[in-house]
Amino acid sequence: MTAVAPRQGEDGAVSILVVGLATALLMVAGLLYDGGQILSARREAFAVADNAARAGAQALDIGAL
């Protein structure tokens, strides 16, 4: 087998591609994590609102209405 000489001007091209892909992957992972946190906070806010509405409804005096 004969060795293939590297093309001139392409040294480090793969490194730049790997750095770019790693950056994009980290950005997507960060967005997924933030999205999960938002969904969790929203679910908790709805649960608090439901509990507050339930407590308010139970505190009503039906006879006074």
N, C-alpha and C. Protein backbone atom coordinates (compact mmCIF):
# COMPACT_ATOMS: atom_id res chain seq x y z
N MET A 1 0.83 -1.18 0.00
CA MET A 1 0.00 0.00 0.00
C MET A 1 0.87 1.24 0.00
N THR A 2 0.35 2.23 -0.66
CA THR A 2 1.08 3.50 -0.69
C THR A 2 0.38 4.49 0.22
N ALA A 3 1.16 5.31 0.87
CA ALA A 3 0.61 6.33 1.77
C ALA A 3 0.10 7.50 0.94
N VAL A 4 -1.04 8.02 1.35
CA VAL A 4 -1.62 9.17 0.66
C VAL A 4 -1.16 10.43 1.36
N ALA A 5 -0.60 11.33 0.62
CA ALA A 5 -0.13 12.58 1.20
C ALA A 5 -1.32 13.48 1.53
N PRO A 6 -1.29 14.15 2.68
CA PRO A 6 -2.40 15.04 3.02
C PRO A 6 -2.46 16.23 2.07
N ARG A 7 -3.65 16.68 1.82
CA ARG A 7 -3.83 17.83 0.94
C ARG A 7 -3.40 19.09 1.66
N GLN A 8 -2.86 19.99 0.93
CA GLN A 8 -2.38 21.23 1.54
C GLN A 8 -3.56 22.14 1.86
N GLY A 9 -3.50 22.78 3.00
CA GLY A 9 -4.53 23.73 3.39
C GLY A 9 -5.70 23.10 4.12
N GLU A 10 -5.68 21.79 4.31
CA GLU A 10 -6.80 21.12 5.00
C GLU A 10 -6.40 20.60 6.37
N ASP A 11 -5.24 20.98 6.84
CA ASP A 11 -4.82 20.56 8.17
C ASP A 11 -5.73 21.20 9.22
N GLY A 12 -6.29 20.39 10.10
CA GLY A 12 -7.14 20.90 11.17
C GLY A 12 -8.59 21.10 10.78
N ALA A 13 -8.98 20.73 9.56
CA ALA A 13 -10.37 20.91 9.13
C ALA A 13 -11.31 20.04 9.95
N VAL A 14 -10.87 18.85 10.29
CA VAL A 14 -11.71 17.95 11.08
C VAL A 14 -11.85 18.49 12.50
N SER A 15 -10.80 19.08 13.03
CA SER A 15 -10.86 19.65 14.38
C SER A 15 -11.90 20.76 14.46
N ILE A 16 -11.96 21.60 13.46
CA ILE A 16 -12.94 22.68 13.44
C ILE A 16 -14.34 22.11 13.36
N LEU A 17 -14.52 21.08 12.57
CA LEU A 17 -15.83 20.43 12.46
C LEU A 17 -16.24 19.81 13.79
N VAL A 18 -15.32 19.14 14.46
CA VAL A 18 -15.63 18.51 15.75
C VAL A 18 -15.98 19.57 16.79
N VAL A 19 -15.24 20.66 16.83
CA VAL A 19 -15.53 21.74 17.78
C VAL A 19 -16.90 22.33 17.49
N GLY A 20 -17.22 22.54 16.23
CA GLY A 20 -18.54 23.09 15.87
C GLY A 20 -19.67 22.15 16.25
N LEU A 21 -19.50 20.87 15.97
CA LEU A 21 -20.54 19.89 16.32
C LEU A 21 -20.69 19.74 17.83
N ALA A 22 -19.59 19.77 18.56
CA ALA A 22 -19.66 19.68 20.02
C ALA A 22 -20.37 20.89 20.60
N THR A 23 -20.10 22.06 20.06
CA THR A 23 -20.78 23.27 20.51
C THR A 23 -22.27 23.19 20.24
N ALA A 24 -22.64 22.74 19.05
CA ALA A 24 -24.05 22.61 18.71
C ALA A 24 -24.74 21.59 19.61
N LEU A 25 -24.06 20.49 19.91
CA LEU A 25 -24.63 19.46 20.78
C LEU A 25 -24.84 19.99 22.19
N LEU A 26 -23.89 20.75 22.70
CA LEU A 26 -24.05 21.34 24.03
C LEU A 26 -25.19 22.36 24.06
N MET A 27 -25.35 23.11 22.99
CA MET A 27 -26.45 24.07 22.94
C MET A 27 -27.80 23.36 22.93
N VAL A 28 -27.92 22.30 22.16
CA VAL A 28 -29.17 21.54 22.12
C VAL A 28 -29.45 20.91 23.49
N ALA A 29 -28.42 20.37 24.12
CA ALA A 29 -28.60 19.77 25.45
C ALA A 29 -29.05 20.83 26.45
N GLY A 30 -28.49 22.02 26.37
CA GLY A 30 -28.91 23.11 27.26
C GLY A 30 -30.34 23.52 27.03
N LEU A 31 -30.74 23.59 25.77
CA LEU A 31 -32.13 23.94 25.46
C LEU A 31 -33.09 22.88 25.96
N LEU A 32 -32.73 21.62 25.83
CA LEU A 32 -33.58 20.54 26.33
C LEU A 32 -33.71 20.60 27.85
N TYR A 33 -32.61 20.88 28.53
CA TYR A 33 -32.64 20.98 29.98
C TYR A 33 -33.51 22.15 30.42
N ASP A 34 -33.32 23.31 29.79
CA ASP A 34 -34.13 24.48 30.13
C ASP A 34 -35.61 24.24 29.84
N GLY A 35 -35.90 23.58 28.75
CA GLY A 35 -37.29 23.27 28.42
C GLY A 35 -37.92 22.36 29.47
N GLY A 36 -37.16 21.40 29.95
CA GLY A 36 -37.65 20.52 31.00
C GLY A 36 -37.91 21.27 32.29
N GLN A 37 -37.03 22.21 32.61
CA GLN A 37 -37.22 23.02 33.81
C GLN A 37 -38.47 23.89 33.70
N ILE A 38 -38.71 24.44 32.52
CA ILE A 38 -39.90 25.27 32.31
C ILE A 38 -41.16 24.44 32.46
N LEU A 39 -41.17 23.26 31.86
CA LEU A 39 -42.35 22.39 31.98
C LEU A 39 -42.60 21.97 33.42
N SER A 40 -41.53 21.69 34.15
CA SER A 40 -41.67 21.30 35.55
C SER A 40 -42.22 22.46 36.39
N ALA A 41 -41.71 23.66 36.17
CA ALA A 41 -42.20 24.82 36.91
C ALA A 41 -43.65 25.12 36.57
N ARG A 42 -44.00 24.95 35.32
CA ARG A 42 -45.39 25.20 34.91
C ARG A 42 -46.34 24.18 35.56
N ARG A 43 -45.93 22.93 35.58
CA ARG A 43 -46.75 21.89 36.21
C ARG A 43 -46.93 22.18 37.70
N GLU A 44 -45.86 22.62 38.36
CA GLU A 44 -45.94 22.94 39.78
C GLU A 44 -46.83 24.16 40.03
N ALA A 45 -46.77 25.16 39.15
CA ALA A 45 -47.62 26.34 39.29
C ALA A 45 -49.09 25.97 39.15
N PHE A 46 -49.40 25.09 38.21
CA PHE A 46 -50.79 24.65 38.06
C PHE A 46 -51.26 23.87 39.29
N ALA A 47 -50.39 23.06 39.86
CA ALA A 47 -50.75 22.31 41.06
C ALA A 47 -51.02 23.24 42.23
N VAL A 48 -50.20 24.28 42.39
CA VAL A 48 -50.42 25.25 43.46
C VAL A 48 -51.72 25.99 43.25
N ALA A 49 -52.00 26.39 42.01
CA ALA A 49 -53.25 27.10 41.72
C ALA A 49 -54.46 26.20 41.98
N ASP A 50 -54.37 24.95 41.60
CA ASP A 50 -55.47 24.01 41.86
C ASP A 50 -55.71 23.84 43.36
N ASN A 51 -54.64 23.70 44.11
CA ASN A 51 -54.78 23.54 45.56
C ASN A 51 -55.36 24.80 46.20
N ALA A 52 -54.96 25.97 45.73
CA ALA A 52 -55.50 27.22 46.26
C ALA A 52 -56.98 27.34 45.95
N ALA A 53 -57.38 26.98 44.75
CA ALA A 53 -58.80 27.03 44.38
C ALA A 53 -59.61 26.04 45.20
N ARG A 54 -59.05 24.86 45.41
CA ARG A 54 -59.74 23.85 46.21
C ARG A 54 -59.90 24.32 47.66
N ALA A 55 -58.84 24.90 48.23
CA ALA A 55 -58.91 25.40 49.60
C ALA A 55 -59.91 26.54 49.72
N GLY A 56 -59.93 27.42 48.72
CA GLY A 56 -60.90 28.52 48.73
C GLY A 56 -62.32 28.02 48.63
N ALA A 57 -62.54 27.02 47.82
CA ALA A 57 -63.89 26.47 47.66
C ALA A 57 -64.34 25.77 48.93
N GLN A 58 -63.43 25.10 49.61
CA GLN A 58 -63.79 24.41 50.85
C GLN A 58 -64.04 25.39 51.99
N ALA A 59 -63.45 26.57 51.91
CA ALA A 59 -63.62 27.57 52.97
C ALA A 59 -64.94 28.33 52.84
N LEU A 60 -65.62 28.20 51.72
CA LEU A 60 -66.90 28.90 51.54
C LEU A 60 -67.95 28.36 52.49
N ASP A 61 -68.77 29.26 53.00
CA ASP A 61 -69.91 28.86 53.84
C ASP A 61 -71.13 28.84 52.94
N ILE A 62 -71.59 27.66 52.59
CA ILE A 62 -72.71 27.50 51.66
C ILE A 62 -73.98 28.11 52.25
N GLY A 63 -74.17 28.02 53.56
CA GLY A 63 -75.36 28.56 54.20
C GLY A 63 -75.44 30.07 54.11
N ALA A 64 -74.29 30.74 54.02
CA ALA A 64 -74.28 32.20 53.95
C ALA A 64 -74.60 32.69 52.55
N LEU A 65 -74.57 31.82 51.58
CA LEU A 65 -74.87 32.23 50.20
C LEU A 65 -76.36 32.33 50.06
